[in-house]
């Protein structure tokens, strides 16, 4: 399986909340690999890929955060103009909808990664693989 686990938190949009999330994970020895924050008025959604999603989920839950775990794909993206287009065009041509996405560049591994939440993860995995677009494993994300 090439899915990785993403942690999502529903938090109040006020000073110090993101710091509390980061401190909770840091104290547990959990490293954040990718992160995005979206605000919606008085609340926000923090989405993260962690080096140990299960441990992160557990420690956040134990600290009274509203947290969930979701399957996403981590897709290796060419770090050049058109890198994103290649991926989203392949998905669109095959009728796979991107619910949301966020990206990061790894200095150590020298590659760009796109985290994707799609409406049909199995189909996305197949059409991307058929186009020789690499999907990272949980182990590869942990090693970044």
Protein backbone atom coordinates (compact mmCIF):
# COMPACT_ATOMS: atom_id res chain seq x y z
CA UNK A 1 0.00 0.00 0.00
CA UNK A 2 1.29 3.43 -0.87
CA UNK A 3 -1.10 5.47 1.25
CA UNK A 4 0.32 7.40 4.13
CA UNK A 5 -1.54 8.69 7.16
CA UNK A 6 -2.28 12.37 7.57
CA UNK A 7 -3.24 13.86 10.90
CA UNK A 8 -5.94 16.56 10.89
CA UNK A 9 -6.78 18.76 13.85
CA UNK A 10 -9.71 21.11 14.36
CA UNK A 11 -8.46 23.95 16.57
CA UNK A 12 -9.53 27.36 17.77
CA UNK A 13 -8.03 30.18 15.72
CA UNK A 14 -6.24 32.03 18.51
CA UNK A 15 -2.65 32.78 19.54
CA UNK A 16 -0.71 29.85 20.93
CA UNK A 17 -2.84 26.98 19.61
CA UNK A 18 -0.40 25.97 16.86
CA UNK A 19 2.44 26.26 19.36
CA UNK A 20 0.61 23.89 21.72
CA UNK A 21 0.22 21.35 18.90
CA UNK A 22 3.90 21.65 17.97
CA UNK A 23 5.03 21.37 21.62
CA UNK A 24 2.86 18.30 22.22
CA UNK A 25 4.38 16.54 19.22
CA UNK A 26 7.91 17.72 20.06
CA UNK A 27 7.66 16.47 23.64
CA UNK A 28 6.59 13.06 22.28
CA UNK A 29 9.54 12.97 19.86
CA UNK A 30 7.28 13.13 16.79
CA UNK A 31 8.62 15.09 13.80
CA UNK A 32 6.41 17.03 11.39
CA UNK A 33 7.28 16.27 7.75
CA UNK A 34 4.68 18.50 6.07
CA UNK A 35 2.06 20.92 7.37
CA UNK A 36 -0.74 23.14 6.15
CA UNK A 37 -3.12 25.34 8.10
CA UNK A 38 -6.47 26.59 6.77
CA UNK A 39 -8.54 29.06 8.73
CA UNK A 40 -12.30 29.21 8.82
CA UNK A 41 -13.18 32.17 11.00
CA UNK A 42 -12.86 31.29 14.67
CA UNK A 43 -11.48 27.82 13.92
CA UNK A 44 -8.89 26.26 11.70
CA UNK A 45 -7.79 22.91 10.35
CA UNK A 46 -4.18 21.83 10.72
CA UNK A 47 -3.17 18.98 8.42
CA UNK A 48 0.16 17.25 8.94
CA UNK A 49 2.25 14.37 7.73
CA UNK A 50 4.34 13.09 10.61
CA UNK A 51 7.25 10.69 10.85
CA UNK A 52 5.11 8.54 13.17
CA UNK A 53 1.41 9.19 12.49
CA UNK A 54 0.11 6.60 14.96
CA UNK A 55 2.16 8.00 17.85
CA UNK A 56 1.26 11.57 16.88
CA UNK A 57 -2.44 10.73 16.73
CA UNK A 58 -2.29 9.03 20.13
CA UNK A 59 -0.46 11.84 21.91
CA UNK A 60 -2.69 14.55 20.42
CA UNK A 61 -5.82 12.61 21.38
CA UNK A 62 -4.47 12.13 24.92
CA UNK A 63 -3.98 15.91 25.13
CA UNK A 64 -7.64 16.60 24.27
CA UNK A 65 -7.17 17.75 20.67
CA UNK A 66 -9.93 17.05 18.15
CA UNK A 67 -7.90 14.86 15.80
CA UNK A 68 -8.51 12.45 12.93
CA UNK A 69 -6.35 10.31 10.66
CA UNK A 70 -6.85 10.16 6.89
CA UNK A 71 -5.24 8.25 4.02
CA UNK A 72 -3.40 10.47 1.54
CA UNK A 73 -0.81 9.97 -1.19
CA UNK A 74 2.69 11.44 -1.14
CA UNK A 75 3.62 11.85 -4.79
CA UNK A 76 7.13 12.65 -5.95
CA UNK A 77 6.92 15.76 -8.08
CA UNK A 78 9.48 17.16 -10.49
CA UNK A 79 10.94 20.29 -8.92
CA UNK A 80 10.63 22.34 -12.10
CA UNK A 81 7.95 24.23 -14.04
CA UNK A 82 5.21 21.79 -15.04
CA UNK A 83 5.86 19.33 -12.20
CA UNK A 84 2.48 19.94 -10.58
CA UNK A 85 0.73 20.06 -13.96
CA UNK A 86 1.94 16.56 -14.87
CA UNK A 87 0.35 15.09 -11.75
CA UNK A 88 -2.95 16.98 -11.65
CA UNK A 89 -3.46 16.69 -15.40
CA UNK A 90 -2.99 12.92 -15.21
CA UNK A 91 -5.55 12.74 -12.41
CA UNK A 92 -8.01 15.07 -14.15
CA UNK A 93 -7.83 13.21 -17.48
CA UNK A 94 -8.70 10.04 -15.54
CA UNK A 95 -11.62 11.64 -13.66
CA UNK A 96 -9.90 11.62 -10.26
CA UNK A 97 -10.75 14.73 -8.25
CA UNK A 98 -8.18 16.41 -5.99
CA UNK A 99 -9.94 17.36 -2.75
CA UNK A 100 -6.88 19.26 -1.52
CA UNK A 101 -3.11 19.21 -1.80
CA UNK A 102 0.00 20.73 -0.29
CA UNK A 103 3.65 20.37 -1.18
CA UNK A 104 7.11 20.53 0.31
CA UNK A 105 10.67 20.31 -0.94
CA UNK A 106 13.17 18.10 0.84
CA UNK A 107 16.68 19.43 1.05
CA UNK A 108 18.18 16.14 2.24
CA UNK A 109 16.46 13.97 -0.37
CA UNK A 110 16.54 16.72 -3.03
CA UNK A 111 13.02 16.22 -4.27
CA UNK A 112 9.61 17.83 -4.16
CA UNK A 113 6.68 15.97 -2.66
CA UNK A 114 2.98 16.62 -3.18
CA UNK A 115 0.54 15.43 -0.51
CA UNK A 116 -2.81 14.64 -2.15
CA UNK A 117 -6.24 13.87 -0.80
CA UNK A 118 -8.30 12.53 -3.71
CA UNK A 119 -11.80 11.14 -4.14
CA UNK A 120 -10.56 7.73 -5.36
CA UNK A 121 -7.20 6.81 -3.87
CA UNK A 122 -6.92 3.40 -5.56
CA UNK A 123 -7.62 4.84 -9.01
CA UNK A 124 -5.19 7.73 -8.38
CA UNK A 125 -2.47 5.29 -7.35
CA UNK A 126 -3.01 3.26 -10.53
CA UNK A 127 -3.14 6.13 -13.04
CA UNK A 128 -0.10 7.84 -11.51
CA UNK A 129 1.87 4.60 -11.45
CA UNK A 130 0.89 3.90 -15.07
CA UNK A 131 2.48 7.28 -15.98
CA UNK A 132 5.64 6.34 -14.01
CA UNK A 133 4.93 9.01 -11.40
CA UNK A 134 6.46 7.79 -8.15
CA UNK A 135 4.31 7.50 -5.05
CA UNK A 136 6.31 7.56 -1.82
CA UNK A 137 5.86 4.92 0.84
CA UNK A 138 5.37 5.47 4.54
CA UNK A 139 8.97 4.41 5.07
CA UNK A 140 10.27 6.95 2.55
CA UNK A 141 8.34 9.76 4.25
CA UNK A 142 9.64 8.69 7.66
CA UNK A 143 13.21 8.74 6.33
CA UNK A 144 13.05 12.30 4.96
